Protein backbone atom coordinates (compact mmCIF):
# COMPACT_ATOMS: atom_id res chain seq x y z
CA MET A 1 28.11 81.15 1.76
CA ASN A 2 26.64 79.17 4.63
CA PRO A 3 28.99 76.50 6.06
CA ASP A 4 26.07 74.04 6.09
CA VAL A 5 26.04 74.08 2.29
CA ALA A 6 28.77 71.40 2.38
CA LEU A 7 25.89 68.90 2.64
CA GLY A 8 25.18 69.64 -1.05
CA VAL A 9 28.60 68.49 -2.31
CA ALA A 10 28.50 66.34 -5.45
CA LEU A 11 30.79 65.32 -8.29
CA ARG A 12 30.32 65.07 -12.02
CA PRO A 13 32.81 63.98 -14.68
CA VAL A 14 34.81 66.72 -16.38
CA THR A 15 33.74 67.54 -19.95
CA PRO A 16 35.62 69.54 -22.60
CA GLN A 17 33.25 72.46 -21.90
CA ASP A 18 34.68 72.69 -18.35
CA ARG A 19 38.12 73.82 -19.54
CA PRO A 20 37.62 77.58 -18.88
CA PHE A 21 36.24 76.84 -15.41
CA LEU A 22 39.05 74.41 -14.56
CA SER A 23 41.62 76.93 -15.77
CA ARG A 24 40.09 79.48 -13.40
CA VAL A 25 40.25 76.99 -10.51
CA TYR A 26 43.91 76.31 -11.29
CA ALA A 27 44.70 80.04 -11.48
CA SER A 28 43.03 80.62 -8.11
CA THR A 29 45.44 78.16 -6.49
CA ARG A 30 48.45 80.13 -7.75
CA GLU A 31 47.30 83.70 -6.93
CA GLU A 32 49.24 84.04 -3.69
CA GLU A 33 52.37 82.53 -5.21
CA LEU A 34 52.32 84.99 -8.12
CA ALA A 35 51.24 88.08 -6.17
CA ASP A 36 54.77 89.54 -6.01
CA VAL A 37 55.93 88.41 -9.46
CA PRO A 38 56.58 91.48 -11.62
CA PHE A 39 54.31 90.36 -14.49
CA SER A 40 51.46 92.40 -15.89
CA THR A 41 47.96 91.02 -15.42
CA ALA A 42 48.01 89.81 -19.03
CA GLU A 43 51.41 88.13 -18.56
CA LYS A 44 50.20 86.36 -15.42
CA ALA A 45 47.06 85.17 -17.22
CA ALA A 46 49.11 83.82 -20.14
CA PHE A 47 51.59 82.12 -17.81
CA LEU A 48 48.79 80.50 -15.78
CA GLU A 49 47.01 79.29 -18.92
CA GLN A 50 50.24 77.77 -20.19
CA GLN A 51 50.92 76.03 -16.86
CA PHE A 52 47.33 74.75 -16.67
CA THR A 53 47.65 73.33 -20.19
CA PHE A 54 50.91 71.55 -19.32
CA GLN A 55 49.47 70.17 -16.10
CA THR A 56 46.32 68.95 -17.85
CA LEU A 57 48.29 67.19 -20.59
CA HIS A 58 50.56 65.57 -17.98
CA TYR A 59 47.60 64.27 -15.97
CA GLU A 60 45.82 62.95 -19.07
CA ARG A 61 48.93 61.13 -20.32
CA HIS A 62 50.29 59.73 -17.08
CA TYR A 63 47.34 59.00 -14.80
CA VAL A 64 45.40 55.92 -15.83
CA ASN A 65 42.54 54.51 -13.76
CA THR A 66 41.89 58.07 -12.64
CA THR A 67 38.68 60.05 -12.33
CA PHE A 68 38.56 63.72 -13.28
CA ASP A 69 35.57 65.42 -11.65
CA VAL A 70 34.10 68.87 -11.22
CA VAL A 71 33.10 69.54 -7.60
CA LEU A 72 29.61 70.95 -7.23
CA VAL A 73 28.38 72.68 -4.09
CA GLY A 74 24.65 73.24 -4.07
CA GLY A 75 24.72 72.64 -7.82
CA VAL A 76 27.35 75.35 -8.39
CA ALA A 77 30.75 74.45 -9.89
CA ALA A 78 33.21 74.97 -7.04
CA GLY A 79 36.39 73.06 -7.88
CA ARG A 80 37.95 69.88 -9.15
CA LEU A 81 38.89 66.49 -7.75
CA ILE A 82 41.24 64.08 -9.51
CA VAL A 83 41.67 60.64 -7.91
CA GLY A 84 43.73 57.68 -9.11
CA ARG A 85 42.38 54.32 -8.04
CA TRP A 86 45.32 51.99 -8.44
CA SER A 87 46.00 48.43 -7.34
CA ASP A 88 48.15 49.52 -4.38
CA GLN A 89 46.65 52.89 -3.36
CA PHE A 90 44.16 55.65 -3.97
CA ARG A 91 46.09 58.78 -5.03
CA VAL A 92 44.51 62.18 -4.61
CA VAL A 93 46.19 63.69 -7.66
CA ASP A 94 44.56 67.07 -7.18
CA VAL A 95 41.86 68.66 -5.08
CA ALA A 96 41.26 72.37 -5.61
CA LEU A 97 38.41 74.70 -4.75
CA LEU A 98 37.67 78.27 -5.72
CA PRO A 99 38.41 80.67 -2.84
CA ASP A 100 34.72 81.20 -1.96
CA PHE A 101 34.38 77.49 -1.19
CA ARG A 102 37.53 76.96 0.87
CA GLY A 103 37.47 76.54 4.64
CA GLN A 104 33.83 75.47 4.76
CA GLY A 105 34.12 71.71 5.06
CA VAL A 106 33.87 70.94 1.33
CA GLY A 107 37.42 69.56 1.17
CA SER A 108 36.82 67.46 4.29
CA GLN A 109 33.68 66.01 2.74
CA LEU A 110 35.44 65.25 -0.57
CA LEU A 111 38.46 63.62 1.06
CA GLY A 112 36.26 61.78 3.56
CA SER A 113 34.45 60.14 0.66
CA VAL A 114 37.75 59.07 -0.96
CA ILE A 115 39.00 57.75 2.39
CA ARG A 116 35.84 55.69 2.96
CA GLU A 117 36.11 54.22 -0.54
CA ALA A 118 39.80 53.35 -0.01
CA ASP A 119 39.11 51.89 3.44
CA ALA A 120 36.46 49.63 1.89
CA THR A 121 39.12 48.22 -0.45
CA ARG A 122 41.76 48.14 2.33
CA LEU A 123 44.07 50.51 0.45
CA PRO A 124 45.95 53.62 1.65
CA VAL A 125 45.18 57.11 0.37
CA THR A 126 48.18 59.18 -0.73
CA ILE A 127 48.77 62.75 -1.85
CA TYR A 128 51.68 64.96 -2.81
CA VAL A 129 51.43 68.41 -1.26
CA GLU A 130 53.64 71.46 -1.49
CA ARG A 131 55.54 72.02 1.72
CA MET A 132 53.92 75.44 2.28
CA ASN A 133 50.35 74.40 1.40
CA PRO A 134 47.98 75.37 4.25
CA ALA A 135 45.77 72.36 3.39
CA GLN A 136 48.32 70.19 5.22
CA ARG A 137 46.37 70.90 8.42
CA LEU A 138 43.29 69.31 6.84
CA TYR A 139 45.25 66.29 5.62
CA ARG A 140 46.81 65.69 9.03
CA ARG A 141 43.43 66.06 10.72
CA LEU A 142 42.11 63.34 8.38
CA GLY A 143 44.92 60.96 9.38
CA PHE A 144 47.54 61.60 6.71
CA ALA A 145 51.16 61.45 7.85
CA LEU A 146 54.49 62.17 6.21
CA ALA A 147 55.70 59.15 4.23
CA ALA A 148 58.50 60.80 2.23
CA GLU A 149 59.95 64.13 1.16
CA ASP A 150 60.98 64.94 -2.36
CA PRO A 151 64.73 65.49 -2.74
CA ASN A 152 64.18 69.10 -3.85
CA GLY A 153 62.34 69.89 -0.62
CA ILE A 154 59.29 71.27 -2.43
CA HIS A 155 56.75 68.47 -2.01
CA LEU A 156 55.79 66.13 0.79
CA PHE A 157 54.32 62.71 0.14
CA LEU A 158 51.54 62.08 2.66
CA GLU A 159 49.81 58.78 3.28
CA ARG A 160 46.77 57.68 5.21
CA PRO A 161 46.72 53.93 5.89
CA PRO A 162 43.40 52.12 5.68
CA THR A 163 41.51 52.26 8.96
CA GLY A 164 41.81 49.21 11.17
CA ILE A 165 44.86 47.75 9.44
CA PRO A 166 47.84 48.40 11.73
CA ASP A 167 50.56 46.88 9.53
CA ALA A 168 49.19 47.82 6.12
CA PRO A 169 51.84 47.94 3.41
CA ARG A 170 53.04 51.47 2.64
CA ALA A 171 52.42 52.98 -0.75
CA LYS A 172 55.42 53.90 -2.86
CA PRO A 173 55.82 57.62 -3.63
CA ASN A 174 55.71 57.37 -7.42
CA SER A 175 54.46 60.04 -9.81
CA ALA A 176 51.82 57.90 -11.48
């Protein structure tokens, strides 16, 4: 895929028909983590489907004022973006792309759009990220900084203050 295709990035709301695609996106984000797990292919697929179902139910129940979108690149479904727009912050709940669309500027374009929207409302943008997630480089490049660590040492809470507001209040690292 040509890196210039990032210019064709668009969003559309998730529909029930997107479930198989979204499950595939979720599974693609866990491939490396499960590579050495001694499960059969069928066991891995069942485990990933179960985890995707639990995650989906959690997001639907606990994230109000949140958009759930399919990411399109050149009209092709490429990933998902879930963003909470709350009174004190914009929370990137999840951003995930299929492997063929990673590292081509799509994530930068998606997050840049969220950042511009948050800046216009003078609110910070926050995200939880796993400590070993390579996307941290992207987040830091976009101005996110460590705001808190989870006590278990698995996740980092990153925050990007609104541009041009030096003493903006910090968002609280809550789960919803």
